[in-house]
Protein backbone atom coordinates (compact mmCIF):
# COMPACT_ATOMS: atom_id res chain seq x y z
CA MET A 1 -0.17 -0.17 0.17
CA GLY A 2 3.11 2.52 -0.59
CA MET A 3 2.53 5.57 -2.71
CA THR A 4 4.71 5.12 -6.07
CA LEU A 5 6.93 7.80 -6.95
CA PRO A 6 6.63 9.36 -10.62
CA SER A 7 9.29 9.28 -12.64
CA PRO A 8 12.44 10.74 -13.00
CA ASP A 9 11.76 11.88 -16.64
CA SER A 10 8.22 12.58 -15.76
CA PRO A 11 7.84 16.95 -16.66
CA MET A 12 7.09 16.99 -12.84
CA GLU A 13 10.35 15.54 -11.33
CA GLN A 14 12.65 17.66 -14.09
CA ALA A 15 10.84 21.20 -12.70
CA ARG A 16 11.47 19.76 -9.49
CA THR A 17 15.27 19.39 -9.82
CA LEU A 18 15.79 22.33 -11.66
CA MET A 19 14.08 24.47 -8.66
CA ALA A 20 16.55 22.78 -6.44
CA ARG A 21 19.05 23.68 -9.02
CA LYS A 22 17.83 27.16 -9.18
CA ASP A 23 17.34 27.60 -5.24
CA ALA A 24 21.38 26.35 -5.13
CA ILE A 25 22.68 29.15 -7.30
CA GLU A 26 20.76 31.97 -5.71
CA LEU A 27 22.56 30.40 -2.52
CA GLU A 28 25.63 30.69 -4.24
CA LEU A 29 24.92 34.28 -5.72
CA GLU A 30 23.92 35.44 -2.58
CA THR A 31 27.40 34.18 -0.94
CA GLN A 32 29.06 35.86 -4.14
CA LEU A 33 27.40 38.64 -3.40
CA SER A 34 28.00 39.08 0.15
CA ILE A 35 31.86 38.87 -0.73
CA LEU A 36 31.54 42.03 -2.62
CA LYS A 37 29.33 43.72 0.10
CA ALA A 38 32.01 42.81 2.54
CA ASN A 39 34.61 44.55 0.61
CA ASN A 40 32.49 48.12 -0.13
CA VAL A 41 32.00 47.30 -3.89
CA THR A 42 29.12 46.89 -6.68
CA MET A 43 30.02 44.84 -9.58
CA GLN A 44 30.55 48.81 -11.34
CA THR A 45 32.83 49.71 -8.62
CA PRO A 46 36.32 50.59 -10.05
CA LEU A 47 39.26 48.50 -8.34
CA VAL A 48 41.84 50.73 -9.23
CA ASP A 49 42.44 54.32 -7.95
CA HIS A 50 42.69 57.63 -9.67
CA ASP A 51 46.62 56.85 -10.62
CA GLY A 52 45.42 53.40 -12.20
CA PHE A 53 46.88 51.36 -9.14
CA PRO A 54 44.98 48.69 -7.60
CA ARG A 55 43.30 50.01 -4.51
CA ALA A 56 44.46 49.26 -0.78
CA ASP A 57 41.10 48.90 0.68
CA ILE A 58 40.08 46.20 -1.39
CA ASP A 59 40.54 42.71 -1.62
CA ILE A 60 41.19 42.26 -5.72
CA TRP A 61 41.18 39.13 -6.15
CA ASN A 62 38.45 38.00 -4.00
CA VAL A 63 36.33 40.94 -5.65
CA ARG A 64 37.54 39.52 -9.10
CA THR A 65 36.68 36.02 -8.41
CA ALA A 66 33.55 37.02 -7.32
CA ARG A 67 32.57 39.31 -9.73
CA VAL A 68 32.81 36.24 -12.59
CA ARG A 69 31.55 34.14 -10.65
CA ILE A 70 28.56 36.31 -10.34
CA MET A 71 28.09 36.57 -13.89
CA GLU A 72 28.35 32.77 -14.09
CA LEU A 73 25.77 32.53 -12.19
CA ARG A 74 23.65 34.92 -13.31
CA ASN A 75 23.90 32.98 -16.82
CA ASP A 76 23.23 30.11 -15.56
CA LEU A 77 20.82 30.97 -13.56
CA LYS A 78 18.89 32.42 -16.75
CA VAL A 79 19.10 29.22 -18.44
CA VAL A 80 17.82 27.42 -15.79
CA MET A 81 14.83 29.56 -15.11
CA ASP A 82 14.03 29.30 -19.14
CA ASN A 83 14.18 25.30 -18.65
CA ILE A 84 11.98 25.49 -15.58
CA GLY A 85 9.28 27.67 -17.66
CA ARG A 86 9.25 24.12 -20.26
CA ALA A 87 9.37 22.04 -17.95
CA LEU A 88 6.23 23.48 -16.14
CA GLU A 89 4.51 24.12 -19.83
CA GLY A 90 4.74 20.05 -19.83
CA VAL A 91 3.39 19.86 -16.18
CA PHE A 92 0.08 21.94 -16.96
CA ASP A 93 0.24 21.02 -20.66
CA PRO A 94 1.52 18.06 -21.80
CA SER A 95 1.17 18.61 -25.46
CA VAL A 96 3.80 21.23 -25.66
CA SER A 97 6.25 18.60 -23.89
CA ASP A 98 4.71 15.84 -26.76
CA ALA A 99 5.70 18.77 -29.53
CA SER A 100 9.01 19.49 -28.38
CA SER A 101 9.26 15.84 -28.03
CA GLY A 102 10.82 16.12 -31.65
CA SER A 103 9.13 12.91 -33.24
CA GLY A 104 8.91 14.06 -36.57
CA PRO A 105 5.90 15.54 -38.03
CA SER A 106 2.47 15.47 -36.12
CA GLU A 107 -0.36 13.05 -37.48
CA SER A 108 -2.73 15.15 -35.88
CA LEU A 109 -2.50 17.43 -38.21
CA LYS A 110 -5.36 18.05 -41.00
CA PRO A 111 -6.79 20.13 -43.12
CA PHE A 112 -10.08 22.17 -41.84
CA ALA A 113 -10.83 24.44 -44.42
CA LYS A 114 -10.87 24.09 -48.05
CA VAL A 115 -10.67 27.55 -50.39
CA ASN A 116 -12.90 27.70 -53.05
CA GLY A 117 -12.68 30.98 -54.35
CA ILE A 118 -10.29 34.50 -53.87
CA SER A 119 -11.88 38.24 -54.62
CA PRO A 120 -9.46 39.97 -56.94
CA GLY A 121 -7.79 42.73 -55.33
CA SER A 122 -8.02 40.68 -51.89
CA PRO A 123 -4.85 40.32 -49.85
CA ALA A 124 -5.53 36.85 -50.13
CA ALA A 125 -5.68 37.14 -54.00
CA GLU A 126 -1.85 38.55 -53.91
CA ALA A 127 -0.59 35.70 -51.25
CA VAL A 128 -2.03 32.81 -52.62
CA SER A 129 -1.53 31.28 -55.91
CA LYS A 130 -3.42 28.16 -56.20
CA ILE A 131 -7.81 27.86 -55.59
CA LEU A 132 -8.96 25.21 -54.13
CA SER A 133 -5.58 24.96 -51.64
CA TYR A 134 -5.83 23.59 -48.19
CA VAL A 135 -5.35 25.48 -44.78
CA VAL A 136 -3.44 23.22 -42.45
CA ILE A 137 -3.03 25.07 -39.15
CA MET A 138 -0.05 23.79 -37.07
CA GLN A 139 -0.29 22.10 -33.77
CA LEU A 140 -3.88 22.90 -33.58
CA SER A 141 -5.30 20.74 -30.76
CA GLU A 142 -7.75 18.45 -31.37
CA PHE A 143 -10.76 20.55 -29.49
CA ALA A 144 -10.00 23.47 -31.61
CA TYR A 145 -10.01 21.20 -35.12
CA ARG A 146 -13.40 20.45 -33.95
CA THR A 147 -14.39 23.36 -33.35
CA CYS A 148 -13.73 25.20 -36.17
CA ARG A 149 -14.83 22.14 -38.28
CA LYS A 150 -18.09 22.41 -36.81
CA MET A 151 -18.09 26.29 -37.85
CA ILE A 152 -17.06 25.29 -40.77
CA LEU A 153 -19.65 22.87 -41.37
CA SER A 154 -22.15 25.13 -40.20
CA LEU A 155 -21.11 27.96 -43.02
CA SER A 156 -21.26 25.71 -45.45
CA SER A 157 -24.57 24.55 -44.79
CA GLY A 158 -25.67 27.68 -45.10
CA ASP A 159 -26.79 27.84 -41.23
């Protein structure tokens, strides 16, 4: 009667792992920022005096190392946040994770409208060269497909 754990490959587990990674990056970022604060400098504070000599009141090596690490961590955090966003999309909309898996062209793409004619001088006349071409909307959900199909059928029957 134990609880089954989700697969490590599930979008929920990926999101949790990425959130833990984000927390670790933020913790290290705070540590590096505290080094700057201890030396009373920011990311923009000059490390040399007006004569071009290193400032004696600053631990130059620690500040430079902290600044470099802060830039690396900020870049890492940006990437992790983007990945968290994608993972959460997969949690709340499984079709997004299926579409992003790269399994090739989707078999669910079906034409839902047929162009019977084009008015002369319209934007469609300039853009479309073939009459009776089929319109396909990429990544159209099944619900939207059924809804559009019903609308097209009711319009074609004159209702």
